[in-house]
C-alpha atoms as a PDB file:
ATOM      1  CA  MET A   1       0.005   0.006  -0.028  1.00  0.00           C
ATOM      2  CA  SER A   2       1.166   3.620  -0.766  1.00  0.00           C
ATOM      3  CA  GLU A   3       2.500   5.899   1.956  1.00  0.00           C
ATOM      4  CA  ARG A   4      -0.285   7.761   3.538  1.00  0.00           C
ATOM      5  CA  VAL A   5      -0.933  11.547   3.180  1.00  0.00           C
ATOM      6  CA  ASP A   6      -0.331  13.523   6.374  1.00  0.00           C
ATOM      7  CA  ASN A   7      -3.483  15.549   6.832  1.00  0.00           C
ATOM      8  CA  THR A   8      -2.406  17.082  10.177  1.00  0.00           C
ATOM      9  CA  ASN A   9      -2.264  20.894  10.232  1.00  0.00           C
ATOM     10  CA  SER A  10      -1.770  20.900   6.318  1.00  0.00           C
ATOM     11  CA  VAL A  11      -2.517  24.115   4.690  1.00  0.00           C
ATOM     12  CA  VAL A  12      -2.735  22.297   1.296  1.00  0.00           C
ATOM     13  CA  PRO A  13      -6.281  21.493   0.548  1.00  0.00           C
ATOM     14  CA  ALA A  14      -7.459  17.897  -0.175  1.00  0.00           C
ATOM     15  CA  LEU A  15      -8.772  18.968  -3.446  1.00  0.00           C
ATOM     16  CA  ASP A  16      -8.292  21.999  -5.627  1.00  0.00           C
ATOM     17  CA  CYS A  17     -10.200  22.450  -8.855  1.00  0.00           C
ATOM     18  CA  GLN A  18      -9.650  25.680 -10.801  1.00  0.00           C
ATOM     19  CA  GLN A  19     -11.559  26.597 -13.943  1.00  0.00           C
ATOM     20  CA  VAL A  20     -12.218  23.084 -15.116  1.00  0.00           C
ATOM     21  CA  VAL A  21     -13.711  22.872 -18.639  1.00  0.00           C
ATOM     22  CA  LYS A  22     -14.794  19.637 -20.260  1.00  0.00           C
ATOM     23  CA  LEU A  23     -16.197  19.307 -23.851  1.00  0.00           C
ATOM     24  CA  PHE A  24     -17.903  16.269 -25.391  1.00  0.00           C
ATOM     25  CA  ARG A  25     -17.878  16.192 -29.193  1.00  0.00           C
ATOM     26  CA  ARG A  26     -20.881  14.519 -31.024  1.00  0.00           C
ATOM     27  CA  GLY A  27     -21.833  13.790 -34.633  1.00  0.00           C
ATOM     28  CA  ARG A  28     -19.905  14.548 -37.932  1.00  0.00           C
ATOM     29  CA  GLY A  29     -19.678  16.979 -40.658  1.00  0.00           C
ATOM     30  CA  LEU A  30     -22.479  19.678 -40.480  1.00  0.00           C
ATOM     31  CA  LYS A  31     -24.215  17.903 -37.639  1.00  0.00           C
ATOM     32  CA  LYS A  32     -20.949  18.193 -35.518  1.00  0.00           C
ATOM     33  CA  LYS A  33     -21.786  19.515 -32.063  1.00  0.00           C
ATOM     34  CA  VAL A  34     -19.865  20.128 -28.784  1.00  0.00           C
ATOM     35  CA  ILE A  35     -21.463  19.710 -25.476  1.00  0.00           C
ATOM     36  CA  ARG A  36     -19.952  21.847 -22.733  1.00  0.00           C
ATOM     37  CA  ALA A  37     -20.346  19.590 -19.681  1.00  0.00           C
ATOM     38  CA  LEU A  38     -18.167  21.667 -17.486  1.00  0.00           C
ATOM     39  CA  ALA A  39     -17.809  25.364 -18.095  1.00  0.00           C
ATOM     40  CA  GLY A  40     -14.990  26.578 -15.659  1.00  0.00           C
ATOM     41  CA  ALA A  41     -15.842  24.757 -12.459  1.00  0.00           C
ATOM     42  CA  THR A  42     -13.890  25.971  -9.527  1.00  0.00           C
ATOM     43  CA  LEU A  43     -13.995  24.520  -5.857  1.00  0.00           C
ATOM     44  CA  VAL A  44     -11.570  23.868  -3.109  1.00  0.00           C
ATOM     45  CA  VAL A  45     -12.282  21.027  -0.568  1.00  0.00           C
ATOM     46  CA  SER A  46     -10.472  20.821   2.963  1.00  0.00           C
ATOM     47  CA  HIS A  47      -8.979  17.849   4.754  1.00  0.00           C
ATOM     48  CA  GLY A  48     -11.815  15.707   6.435  1.00  0.00           C
ATOM     49  CA  GLU A  49     -14.671  17.773   4.757  1.00  0.00           C
ATOM     50  CA  LEU A  50     -17.816  16.109   3.683  1.00  0.00           C
ATOM     51  CA  PHE A  51     -18.444  18.322   0.550  1.00  0.00           C
ATOM     52  CA  GLY A  52     -21.555  17.985  -1.414  1.00  0.00           C
ATOM     53  CA  LEU A  53     -22.117  18.737  -5.203  1.00  0.00           C
ATOM     54  CA  LEU A  54     -25.750  19.411  -5.794  1.00  0.00           C
ATOM     55  CA  GLY A  55     -27.596  19.802  -8.884  1.00  0.00           C
ATOM     56  CA  PRO A  56     -30.149  18.579 -11.346  1.00  0.00           C
ATOM     57  CA  ASN A  57     -29.453  15.658 -13.680  1.00  0.00           C
ATOM     58  CA  GLY A  58     -27.085  16.581 -16.389  1.00  0.00           C
ATOM     59  CA  ALA A  59     -25.638  19.633 -14.601  1.00  0.00           C
ATOM     60  CA  GLY A  60     -21.955  18.212 -14.749  1.00  0.00           C
ATOM     61  CA  LYS A  61     -21.600  16.576 -11.333  1.00  0.00           C
ATOM     62  CA  THR A  62     -20.507  13.052 -12.661  1.00  0.00           C
ATOM     63  CA  THR A  63     -18.205  14.692 -15.379  1.00  0.00           C
ATOM     64  CA  LEU A  64     -16.462  16.622 -12.555  1.00  0.00           C
ATOM     65  CA  VAL A  65     -16.081  13.538 -10.410  1.00  0.00           C
ATOM     66  CA  ARG A  66     -14.755  11.597 -13.364  1.00  0.00           C
ATOM     67  CA  CYS A  67     -12.137  14.386 -14.134  1.00  0.00           C
ATOM     68  CA  ILE A  68     -11.120  14.354 -10.437  1.00  0.00           C
ATOM     69  CA  ALA A  69     -10.690  10.363 -10.647  1.00  0.00           C
ATOM     70  CA  THR A  70      -8.623  10.780 -13.928  1.00  0.00           C
ATOM     71  CA  LEU A  71     -11.151   8.951 -15.845  1.00  0.00           C
ATOM     72  CA  LEU A  72     -11.624  11.860 -18.095  1.00  0.00           C
ATOM     73  CA  ILE A  73      -9.120  14.577 -19.109  1.00  0.00           C
ATOM     74  CA  PRO A  74     -10.442  18.124 -19.030  1.00  0.00           C
ATOM     75  CA  ASP A  75      -9.946  20.582 -21.875  1.00  0.00           C
ATOM     76  CA  GLN A  76      -8.856  23.238 -19.593  1.00  0.00           C
ATOM     77  CA  GLY A  77      -8.161  23.950 -16.012  1.00  0.00           C
ATOM     78  CA  THR A  78      -6.231  22.387 -13.229  1.00  0.00           C
ATOM     79  CA  ILE A  79      -7.114  19.629 -10.574  1.00  0.00           C
ATOM     80  CA  LYS A  80      -4.873  19.028  -7.552  1.00  0.00           C
ATOM     81  CA  LEU A  81      -5.100  16.308  -4.977  1.00  0.00           C
ATOM     82  CA  PHE A  82      -3.096  17.174  -1.687  1.00  0.00           C
ATOM     83  CA  GLY A  83      -1.238  19.557  -3.840  1.00  0.00           C
ATOM     84  CA  ARG A  84      -0.358  17.224  -6.620  1.00  0.00           C
ATOM     85  CA  ASP A  85      -1.555  17.499 -10.087  1.00  0.00           C
ATOM     86  CA  VAL A  86      -3.853  14.603 -10.779  1.00  0.00           C
ATOM     87  CA  PHE A  87      -2.656  14.360 -14.488  1.00  0.00           C
ATOM     88  CA  LYS A  88       0.958  14.952 -14.032  1.00  0.00           C
ATOM     89  CA  GLU A  89       1.271  12.594 -11.069  1.00  0.00           C
ATOM     90  CA  SER A  90      -1.764  10.285 -11.748  1.00  0.00           C
ATOM     91  CA  LEU A  91      -0.373   7.280 -10.057  1.00  0.00           C
ATOM     92  CA  PHE A  92       0.061   9.073  -6.690  1.00  0.00           C
ATOM     93  CA  CYS A  93      -3.408  10.476  -6.923  1.00  0.00           C
ATOM     94  CA  ARG A  94      -5.155   7.332  -8.015  1.00  0.00           C
ATOM     95  CA  GLN A  95      -3.663   5.460  -4.983  1.00  0.00           C
ATOM     96  CA  ARG A  96      -5.377   7.927  -2.769  1.00  0.00           C
ATOM     97  CA  ILE A  97      -8.838   8.054  -4.378  1.00  0.00           C
ATOM     98  CA  GLY A  98     -11.712   5.730  -3.722  1.00  0.00           C
ATOM     99  CA  LEU A  99     -14.461   5.858  -6.367  1.00  0.00           C
ATOM    100  CA  LEU A 100     -18.127   4.866  -5.961  1.00  0.00           C
ATOM    101  CA  THR A 101     -20.453   5.153  -9.100  1.00  0.00           C
ATOM    102  CA  SER A 102     -24.059   4.471  -9.500  1.00  0.00           C
ATOM    103  CA  GLY A 103     -26.118   3.131 -12.285  1.00  0.00           C
ATOM    104  CA  GLU A 104     -23.018   1.345 -13.792  1.00  0.00           C
ATOM    105  CA  ARG A 105     -22.210  -2.306 -13.518  1.00  0.00           C
ATOM    106  CA  THR A 106     -18.718  -2.260 -11.816  1.00  0.00           C
ATOM    107  CA  LEU A 107     -18.898  -5.666 -10.118  1.00  0.00           C
ATOM    108  CA  TYR A 108     -18.812  -9.249 -11.428  1.00  0.00           C
ATOM    109  CA  TRP A 109     -22.282 -10.660 -10.608  1.00  0.00           C
ATOM    110  CA  LYS A 110     -21.205 -14.357 -11.209  1.00  0.00           C
ATOM    111  CA  LEU A 111     -18.621 -14.035  -8.461  1.00  0.00           C
ATOM    112  CA  SER A 112     -19.218 -13.861  -4.732  1.00  0.00           C
ATOM    113  CA  ALA A 113     -18.612 -10.475  -2.738  1.00  0.00           C
ATOM    114  CA  ARG A 114     -15.377 -11.919  -1.298  1.00  0.00           C
ATOM    115  CA  ASP A 115     -14.027 -12.953  -4.549  1.00  0.00           C
ATOM    116  CA  ASN A 116     -15.002  -9.694  -6.256  1.00  0.00           C
ATOM    117  CA  LEU A 117     -13.037  -7.920  -3.456  1.00  0.00           C
ATOM    118  CA  ARG A 118     -10.089 -10.249  -3.795  1.00  0.00           C
ATOM    119  CA  PHE A 119     -10.072  -9.474  -7.498  1.00  0.00           C
ATOM    120  CA  PHE A 120     -10.006  -5.665  -7.045  1.00  0.00           C
ATOM    121  CA  ALA A 121      -7.555  -5.949  -4.050  1.00  0.00           C
ATOM    122  CA  ALA A 122      -5.009  -7.494  -6.584  1.00  0.00           C
ATOM    123  CA  LEU A 123      -5.378  -4.491  -8.820  1.00  0.00           C
ATOM    124  CA  TYR A 124      -4.417  -2.265  -5.832  1.00  0.00           C
ATOM    125  CA  GLY A 125      -1.418  -4.493  -5.080  1.00  0.00           C
ATOM    126  CA  LEU A 126      -2.959  -6.139  -1.889  1.00  0.00           C
ATOM    127  CA  ASN A 127      -2.508  -9.828  -1.381  1.00  0.00           C
ATOM    128  CA  GLY A 128      -1.816 -12.404   1.195  1.00  0.00           C
ATOM    129  CA  LYS A 129      -2.896 -11.974   4.906  1.00  0.00           C
ATOM    130  CA  LYS A 130      -3.232  -8.252   4.570  1.00  0.00           C
ATOM    131  CA  ARG A 131      -5.714  -8.418   1.928  1.00  0.00           C
ATOM    132  CA  ASP A 132      -7.764 -11.079   3.662  1.00  0.00           C
ATOM    133  CA  GLN A 133      -7.863  -8.910   6.849  1.00  0.00           C
ATOM    134  CA  ARG A 134      -8.897  -5.925   5.109  1.00  0.00           C
ATOM    135  CA  ILE A 135     -11.570  -7.702   3.224  1.00  0.00           C
ATOM    136  CA  ASP A 136     -12.838  -9.510   6.375  1.00  0.00           C
ATOM    137  CA  TYR A 137     -12.986  -5.997   8.021  1.00  0.00           C
ATOM    138  CA  LEU A 138     -14.897  -4.334   5.281  1.00  0.00           C
ATOM    139  CA  LEU A 139     -17.412  -7.242   5.077  1.00  0.00           C
ATOM    140  CA  GLU A 140     -18.041  -7.046   8.763  1.00  0.00           C
ATOM    141  CA  LEU A 141     -18.390  -3.263   8.744  1.00  0.00           C
ATOM    142  CA  LEU A 142     -20.934  -3.144   5.898  1.00  0.00           C
ATOM    143  CA  GLY A 143     -23.042  -6.286   7.508  1.00  0.00           C
ATOM    144  CA  LEU A 144     -21.985  -8.516   4.661  1.00  0.00           C
ATOM    145  CA  ARG A 145     -20.170 -11.219   6.427  1.00  0.00           C
ATOM    146  CA  GLU A 146     -23.032 -13.941   6.398  1.00  0.00           C
ATOM    147  CA  VAL A 147     -23.603 -13.609   2.671  1.00  0.00           C
ATOM    148  CA  ALA A 148     -19.961 -13.027   1.634  1.00  0.00           C
ATOM    149  CA  ASN A 149     -19.684 -16.145  -0.255  1.00  0.00           C
ATOM    150  CA  GLU A 150     -23.013 -15.907  -2.266  1.00  0.00           C
ATOM    151  CA  ARG A 151     -23.016 -14.793  -5.905  1.00  0.00           C
ATOM    152  CA  LEU A 152     -23.641 -11.095  -6.267  1.00  0.00           C
ATOM    153  CA  GLU A 153     -26.487 -12.004  -8.728  1.00  0.00           C
ATOM    154  CA  ARG A 154     -28.555 -12.908  -5.832  1.00  0.00           C
ATOM    155  CA  TYR A 155     -27.989  -9.691  -3.889  1.00  0.00           C
ATOM    156  CA  SER A 156     -30.482  -6.866  -3.745  1.00  0.00           C
ATOM    157  CA  SER A 157     -29.613  -3.520  -5.264  1.00  0.00           C
ATOM    158  CA  GLY A 158     -28.678  -2.215  -1.864  1.00  0.00           C
ATOM    159  CA  MET A 159     -26.462  -5.064  -0.987  1.00  0.00           C
ATOM    160  CA  LYS A 160     -24.639  -4.700  -4.319  1.00  0.00           C
ATOM    161  CA  GLN A 161     -24.108  -1.058  -3.410  1.00  0.00           C
ATOM    162  CA  LYS A 162     -22.640  -2.106  -0.120  1.00  0.00           C
ATOM    163  CA  VAL A 163     -20.077  -4.316  -2.140  1.00  0.00           C
ATOM    164  CA  SER A 164     -19.403  -1.259  -4.397  1.00  0.00           C
ATOM    165  CA  LEU A 165     -18.638   0.814  -1.426  1.00  0.00           C
ATOM    166  CA  ALA A 166     -16.354  -1.857  -0.030  1.00  0.00           C
ATOM    167  CA  ARG A 167     -14.565  -1.944  -3.386  1.00  0.00           C
ATOM    168  CA  ALA A 168     -14.039   1.745  -3.143  1.00  0.00           C
ATOM    169  CA  MET A 169     -12.441   1.478   0.349  1.00  0.00           C
ATOM    170  CA  LEU A 170     -10.220  -1.519  -0.177  1.00  0.00           C
ATOM    171  CA  HIS A 171      -6.976   0.289  -0.472  1.00  0.00           C
ATOM    172  CA  ASP A 172      -7.975   2.750   2.518  1.00  0.00           C
ATOM    173  CA  PRO A 173      -8.025   5.808   0.227  1.00  0.00           C
ATOM    174  CA  ASP A 174      -7.570   9.379   1.779  1.00  0.00           C
ATOM    175  CA  ILE A 175     -10.408  10.915  -0.394  1.00  0.00           C
ATOM    176  CA  LEU A 176     -13.717   9.168  -1.517  1.00  0.00           C
ATOM    177  CA  LEU A 177     -15.620  10.357  -4.462  1.00  0.00           C
ATOM    178  CA  LEU A 178     -19.266   9.085  -4.011  1.00  0.00           C
ATOM    179  CA  ASP A 179     -21.334   9.745  -7.163  1.00  0.00           C
ATOM    180  CA  GLU A 180     -25.091   9.372  -6.435  1.00  0.00           C
ATOM    181  CA  PRO A 181     -24.413   6.604  -3.762  1.00  0.00           C
ATOM    182  CA  THR A 182     -28.229   6.115  -2.844  1.00  0.00           C
ATOM    183  CA  LEU A 183     -29.584   6.431  -6.322  1.00  0.00           C
ATOM    184  CA  GLY A 184     -32.285   3.724  -6.915  1.00  0.00           C
ATOM    185  CA  LEU A 185     -32.064   2.304  -3.500  1.00  0.00           C
ATOM    186  CA  ASP A 186     -35.176   1.619  -1.271  1.00  0.00           C
ATOM    187  CA  PRO A 187     -35.462   3.845   1.847  1.00  0.00           C
ATOM    188  CA  GLN A 188     -33.870   1.300   4.321  1.00  0.00           C
ATOM    189  CA  PHE A 189     -30.678   0.802   2.362  1.00  0.00           C
ATOM    190  CA  ALA A 190     -30.491   4.490   1.610  1.00  0.00           C
ATOM    191  CA  ARG A 191     -30.658   5.313   5.167  1.00  0.00           C
ATOM    192  CA  PHE A 192     -27.778   2.793   5.880  1.00  0.00           C
ATOM    193  CA  ILE A 193     -25.593   4.174   3.282  1.00  0.00           C
ATOM    194  CA  ARG A 194     -26.221   7.827   4.388  1.00  0.00           C
ATOM    195  CA  ARG A 195     -25.574   6.887   8.040  1.00  0.00           C
ATOM    196  CA  PHE A 196     -22.493   4.929   7.128  1.00  0.00           C
ATOM    197  CA  ILE A 197     -20.868   7.761   5.034  1.00  0.00           C
ATOM    198  CA  LYS A 198     -21.618  10.469   7.781  1.00  0.00           C
ATOM    199  CA  GLU A 199     -20.840   8.575  10.941  1.00  0.00           C
ATOM    200  CA  GLU A 200     -18.228   5.846   9.878  1.00  0.00           C
ATOM    201  CA  LEU A 201     -16.355   7.238   6.961  1.00  0.00           C
ATOM    202  CA  ASN A 202     -16.374  10.920   7.778  1.00  0.00           C
ATOM    203  CA  ARG A 203     -16.600  11.181  11.560  1.00  0.00           C
ATOM    204  CA  GLU A 204     -14.903   7.964  12.726  1.00  0.00           C
ATOM    205  CA  GLN A 205     -12.269   7.505   9.900  1.00  0.00           C
ATOM    206  CA  GLY A 206     -11.880  11.079   9.071  1.00  0.00           C
ATOM    207  CA  LYS A 207     -12.103  10.596   5.238  1.00  0.00           C
ATOM    208  CA  THR A 208     -12.427  13.517   2.836  1.00  0.00           C
ATOM    209  CA  ILE A 209     -15.627  13.035   0.944  1.00  0.00           C
ATOM    210  CA  ILE A 210     -16.964  14.369  -2.274  1.00  0.00           C
ATOM    211  CA  LEU A 211     -20.680  13.496  -2.549  1.00  0.00           C
ATOM    212  CA  THR A 212     -22.703  14.226  -5.714  1.00  0.00           C
ATOM    213  CA  THR A 213     -26.398  13.994  -5.447  1.00  0.00           C
ATOM    214  CA  HIS A 214     -29.799  15.713  -6.699  1.00  0.00           C
ATOM    215  CA  TYR A 215     -31.521  14.697  -3.571  1.00  0.00           C
ATOM    216  CA  MET A 216     -31.741  17.864  -1.660  1.00  0.00           C
ATOM    217  CA  ASP A 217     -32.524  16.172   1.825  1.00  0.00           C
ATOM    218  CA  GLU A 218     -29.476  13.883   1.418  1.00  0.00           C
ATOM    219  CA  ALA A 219     -27.080  16.961   0.823  1.00  0.00           C
ATOM    220  CA  ASP A 220     -28.865  18.858   3.766  1.00  0.00           C
ATOM    221  CA  GLU A 221     -28.374  16.000   6.105  1.00  0.00           C
ATOM    222  CA  LEU A 222     -24.824  14.923   5.289  1.00  0.00           C
ATOM    223  CA  CYS A 223     -22.773  17.664   3.818  1.00  0.00           C
ATOM    224  CA  ASP A 224     -20.584  20.285   5.723  1.00  0.00           C
ATOM    225  CA  ARG A 225     -20.569  22.539   2.564  1.00  0.00           C
ATOM    226  CA  ILE A 226     -22.331  22.373  -0.748  1.00  0.00           C
ATOM    227  CA  ALA A 227     -21.553  23.550  -4.149  1.00  0.00           C
ATOM    228  CA  PHE A 228     -24.535  24.155  -6.432  1.00  0.00           C
ATOM    229  CA  ILE A 229     -23.737  23.135  -9.797  1.00  0.00           C
ATOM    230  CA  ASP A 230     -25.603  24.142 -12.768  1.00  0.00           C
ATOM    231  CA  ARG A 231     -25.012  23.889 -16.554  1.00  0.00           C
ATOM    232  CA  GLY A 232     -21.204  23.004 -15.907  1.00  0.00           C
ATOM    233  CA  LYS A 233     -20.746  25.926 -13.440  1.00  0.00           C
ATOM    234  CA  ILE A 234     -20.319  26.222  -9.707  1.00  0.00           C
ATOM    235  CA  VAL A 235     -23.101  28.728  -8.808  1.00  0.00           C
ATOM    236  CA  ASP A 236     -22.046  29.132  -5.214  1.00  0.00           C
ATOM    237  CA  ILE A 237     -20.554  27.286  -2.201  1.00  0.00           C
ATOM    238  CA  LYS A 238     -21.857  27.645   1.273  1.00  0.00           C
ATOM    239  CA  THR A 239     -23.096  25.637   4.215  1.00  0.00           C
ATOM    240  CA  PRO A 240     -26.678  24.333   4.265  1.00  0.00           C
ATOM    241  CA  GLN A 241     -27.651  26.971   6.982  1.00  0.00           C
ATOM    242  CA  GLU A 242     -25.952  29.801   5.173  1.00  0.00           C
ATOM    243  CA  TYR A 243     -27.979  29.019   1.998  1.00  0.00           C
ATOM    244  CA  LYS A 244     -31.262  29.023   3.753  1.00  0.00           C
ATOM    245  CA  ARG A 245     -30.606  32.240   5.829  1.00  0.00           C
ATOM    246  CA  GLU A 246     -29.765  33.987   2.605  1.00  0.00           C
ATOM    247  CA  ILE A 247     -32.786  33.265   0.698  1.00  0.00           C
ATOM    248  CA  PRO A 248     -34.855  36.495   0.702  1.00  0.00           C
ATOM    249  CA  HIS A 249     -38.204  34.880   1.218  1.00  0.00           C
ATOM    250  CA  GLN A 250     -39.494  33.101   4.287  1.00  0.00           C
ATOM    251  CA  GLU A 251     -42.075  30.529   3.458  1.00  0.00           C
ATOM    252  CA  VAL A 252     -43.301  28.100   0.737  1.00  0.00           C
ATOM    253  CA  ILE A 253     -46.863  27.087   0.271  1.00  0.00           C
ATOM    254  CA  GLU A 254     -46.838  23.430  -0.963  1.00  0.00           C
ATOM    255  CA  VAL A 255     -50.156  22.052  -2.464  1.00  0.00           C
ATOM    256  CA  ARG A 256     -50.885  18.466  -3.706  1.00  0.00           C
ATOM    257  CA  CYS A 257     -53.836  18.157  -6.039  1.00  0.00           C
ATOM    258  CA  LEU A 258     -55.319  15.799  -8.807  1.00  0.00           C
ATOM    259  CA  GLY A 259     -54.835  16.610 -12.250  1.00  0.00           C
ATOM    260  CA  GLN A 260     -52.797  19.456 -13.778  1.00  0.00           C
ATOM    261  CA  PRO A 261     -54.376  22.808 -12.976  1.00  0.00           C
ATOM    262  CA  ASP A 262     -53.742  26.099 -14.913  1.00  0.00           C
ATOM    263  CA  ILE A 263     -51.523  28.030 -12.372  1.00  0.00           C
ATOM    264  CA  SER A 264     -51.004  31.072 -14.468  1.00  0.00           C
ATOM    265  CA  SER A 265     -53.447  33.202 -12.421  1.00  0.00           C
ATOM    266  CA  LEU A 266     -51.374  32.375  -9.089  1.00  0.00           C
ATOM    267  CA  LYS A 267     -48.266  34.023 -10.601  1.00  0.00           C
ATOM    268  CA  ASN A 268     -49.973  37.303 -10.590  1.00  0.00           C
ATOM    269  CA  LEU A 269     -51.232  37.270  -7.039  1.00  0.00           C
ATOM    270  CA  THR A 270     -49.554  40.055  -4.721  1.00  0.00           C
ATOM    271  CA  GLY A 271     -46.827  38.654  -2.774  1.00  0.00           C
ATOM    272  CA  VAL A 272     -46.044  35.513  -4.878  1.00  0.00           C
ATOM    273  CA  GLU A 273     -42.440  35.668  -5.821  1.00  0.00           C
ATOM    274  CA  GLN A 274     -42.237  32.258  -7.720  1.00  0.00           C
ATOM    275  CA  THR A 275     -44.216  29.078  -8.577  1.00  0.00           C
ATOM    276  CA  GLN A 276     -43.080  25.640  -9.408  1.00  0.00           C
ATOM    277  CA  SER A 277     -45.229  22.638 -10.341  1.00  0.00           C
ATOM    278  CA  GLU A 278     -44.318  18.984 -11.009  1.00  0.00           C
ATOM    279  CA  PHE A 279     -46.870  16.327 -12.351  1.00  0.00           C
ATOM    280  CA  ASN A 280     -46.354  12.771 -11.593  1.00  0.00           C
ATOM    281  CA  ASN A 281     -48.896   9.771 -11.601  1.00  0.00           C
ATOM    282  CA  GLY A 282     -51.880  12.036 -11.753  1.00  0.00           C
ATOM    283  CA  VAL A 283     -50.853  14.256  -9.079  1.00  0.00           C
ATOM    284  CA  THR A 284     -49.430  17.821  -9.233  1.00  0.00           C
ATOM    285  CA  VAL A 285     -47.249  19.061  -6.384  1.00  0.00           C
ATOM    286  CA  LEU A 286     -47.332  22.957  -6.556  1.00  0.00           C
ATOM    287  CA  ARG A 287     -44.724  25.183  -4.622  1.00  0.00           C
ATOM    288  CA  ILE A 288     -45.448  28.784  -4.211  1.00  0.00           C
ATOM    289  CA  VAL A 289     -42.815  31.079  -2.674  1.00  0.00           C
ATOM    290  CA  VAL A 290     -44.065  34.041  -0.540  1.00  0.00           C
ATOM    291  CA  PRO A 291     -42.830  36.258   2.190  1.00  0.00           C
ATOM    292  CA  ARG A 292     -45.703  35.293   4.412  1.00  0.00           C
ATOM    293  CA  ALA A 293     -48.018  32.607   3.556  1.00  0.00           C
ATOM    294  CA  GLU A 294     -51.119  33.882   5.508  1.00  0.00           C
ATOM    295  CA  THR A 295     -51.380  36.879   3.243  1.00  0.00           C
ATOM    296  CA  VAL A 296     -52.011  34.790  -0.029  1.00  0.00           C
ATOM    297  CA  LEU A 297     -53.190  31.355   1.322  1.00  0.00           C
ATOM    298  CA  SER A 298     -56.905  31.775   1.158  1.00  0.00           C
ATOM    299  CA  GLU A 299     -56.656  33.319  -2.371  1.00  0.00           C
ATOM    300  CA  VAL A 300     -54.611  30.442  -3.650  1.00  0.00           C
ATOM    301  CA  ILE A 301     -57.048  27.940  -2.191  1.00  0.00           C
ATOM    302  CA  GLU A 302     -60.020  29.570  -3.902  1.00  0.00           C
ATOM    303  CA  ARG A 303     -58.292  29.720  -7.306  1.00  0.00           C
ATOM    304  CA  LEU A 304     -57.032  26.209  -7.080  1.00  0.00           C
ATOM    305  CA  ARG A 305     -60.428  24.773  -6.207  1.00  0.00           C
ATOM    306  CA  LEU A 306     -61.735  25.958  -9.489  1.00  0.00           C
ATOM    307  CA  GLU A 307     -59.009  24.041 -11.369  1.00  0.00           C
ATOM    308  CA  ALA A 308     -58.542  20.681  -9.594  1.00  0.00           C
ATOM    309  CA  LYS A 309     -59.232  18.837  -6.370  1.00  0.00           C
ATOM    310  CA  ILE A 310     -56.880  19.777  -3.513  1.00  0.00           C
ATOM    311  CA  LEU A 311     -55.542  16.732  -1.681  1.00  0.00           C
ATOM    312  CA  GLU A 312     -53.125  18.512   0.674  1.00  0.00           C
ATOM    313  CA  ILE A 313     -51.700  21.935   1.702  1.00  0.00           C
ATOM    314  CA  ASP A 314     -48.731  22.738   3.782  1.00  0.00           C
ATOM    315  CA  VAL A 315     -46.624  25.780   4.782  1.00  0.00           C
ATOM    316  CA  LYS A 316     -42.927  24.991   4.947  1.00  0.00           C
ATOM    317  CA  GLU A 317     -39.723  26.845   5.324  1.00  0.00           C
ATOM    318  CA  PRO A 318     -37.404  27.140   2.480  1.00  0.00           C
ATOM    319  CA  THR A 319     -35.460  23.995   1.513  1.00  0.00           C
ATOM    320  CA  LEU A 320     -32.222  23.704  -0.505  1.00  0.00           C
ATOM    321  CA  GLU A 321     -34.400  23.004  -3.457  1.00  0.00           C
ATOM    322  CA  ASP A 322     -35.996  26.442  -3.183  1.00  0.00           C
ATOM    323  CA  VAL A 323     -32.606  28.145  -2.754  1.00  0.00           C
ATOM    324  CA  PHE A 324     -31.421  26.422  -5.885  1.00  0.00           C
ATOM    325  CA  ILE A 325     -34.484  27.349  -7.877  1.00  0.00           C
ATOM    326  CA  TYR A 326     -34.224  30.819  -6.588  1.00  0.00           C
ATOM    327  CA  MET A 327     -30.500  31.147  -7.754  1.00  0.00           C
ATOM    328  CA  THR A 328     -30.792  29.291 -11.012  1.00  0.00           C
ATOM    329  CA  GLY A 329     -34.493  28.865 -12.091  1.00  0.00           C
ATOM    330  CA  THR A 330     -33.868  25.175 -12.263  1.00  0.00           C
ATOM    331  CA  SER A 331     -35.348  22.284 -10.332  1.00  0.00           C
ATOM    332  CA  LEU A 332     -33.079  20.053  -8.452  1.00  0.00           C
ATOM    333  CA  ALA A 333     -35.341  17.251  -9.106  1.00  0.00           C
ATOM    334  CA  ALA A 334     -35.861  17.989 -12.832  1.00  0.00           C
ATOM    335  CA  GLU A 335     -35.171  15.046 -15.080  1.00  0.00           C
ATOM    336  CA  THR A 336     -33.405  17.144 -17.514  1.00  0.00           C
ATOM    337  CA  GLY A 337     -31.317  14.305 -19.183  1.00  0.00           C
ATOM    338  CA  GLN A 338     -28.838  16.735 -20.630  1.00  0.00           C
ATOM    339  CA  THR A 339     -28.852  20.433 -19.511  1.00  0.00           C
ATOM    340  CA  ALA A 340     -25.324  21.315 -20.602  1.00  0.00           C
ATOM    341  CA  GLU A 341     -24.888  23.919 -23.097  1.00  0.00           C
ATOM    342  CA  THR A 342     -24.803  22.541 -26.631  1.00  0.00           C
ATOM    343  CA  ALA A 343     -23.259  24.500 -29.460  1.00  0.00           C
ATOM    344  CA  SER A 344     -22.336  23.842 -33.048  1.00  0.00           C
ATOM    345  CA  LEU A 345     -18.687  23.463 -33.759  1.00  0.00           C
ATOM    346  CA  GLU A 346     -17.119  25.890 -36.201  1.00  0.00           C
ATOM    347  CA  GLU A 347     -15.920  24.245 -39.300  1.00  0.00           C
END
């Protein structure tokens, strides 16, 4: 195993990304296009920090993580890990990075959890007694010891994610890159993964963690600081509490109703600063941003009753989603697919 990085009283940040640009080229000839996935992303992460990258799908979160992990080479900008350039000293940096990706098949399903970990341990140069001790420790830590010799194809998605997390931790890295670690998991496994990240990896082991997510509650619960990323740019970096304090409005009226009501008339009500609606499975969730809910609540109810059947009304404090919408006009939960800037290449 490589020498450990001394994190004690270091003035050098764990991660330093400056003006990172990444372009993806698509098509040929007149149909040739360039997709700007990252447009000058800049952030600095301290040792032992649990740092969140929060943004909608397609905002550039995964692309930035892949650049940090040296899986992608940026077109411009610099990325330094513990003061070392990740592309000039890639071996040093890769030895200190643990990467967990979601939505990709990174394990061998015909092998058991133990055999998967043995295979990847060999890639990290771990073998013999030291390897077996590390694998046993991780299997016990993640609650997989009883099923360690069963094929992964029999595992649930949550159990597979645990094995993926163990794989990322095999070589005891200094920094963990966790890309959407709870995506697609049921609530029970998602809670376990979140608790494990916060309490075990960050607090107990002192790992520096970069967490990407589009789940606002997850970022709010876990992260020391959060960078909002939108269309490949870092919009702002603050603690969750700082974001919420700085938003100029105080309350959000959330209404659930059947169907898709016309909400255009609500936008003209005095005091309404912003409206957002999402329709799913026959139900519309409407969020109305106001300084004081009591000043417009009765009028909102009267107008919506003419359009749809109201199922539930609640008044809430602003969330991170409200902050993000206020700053960018984009919903964190929006299934945008590809929101990065697209432009034609000059011939």
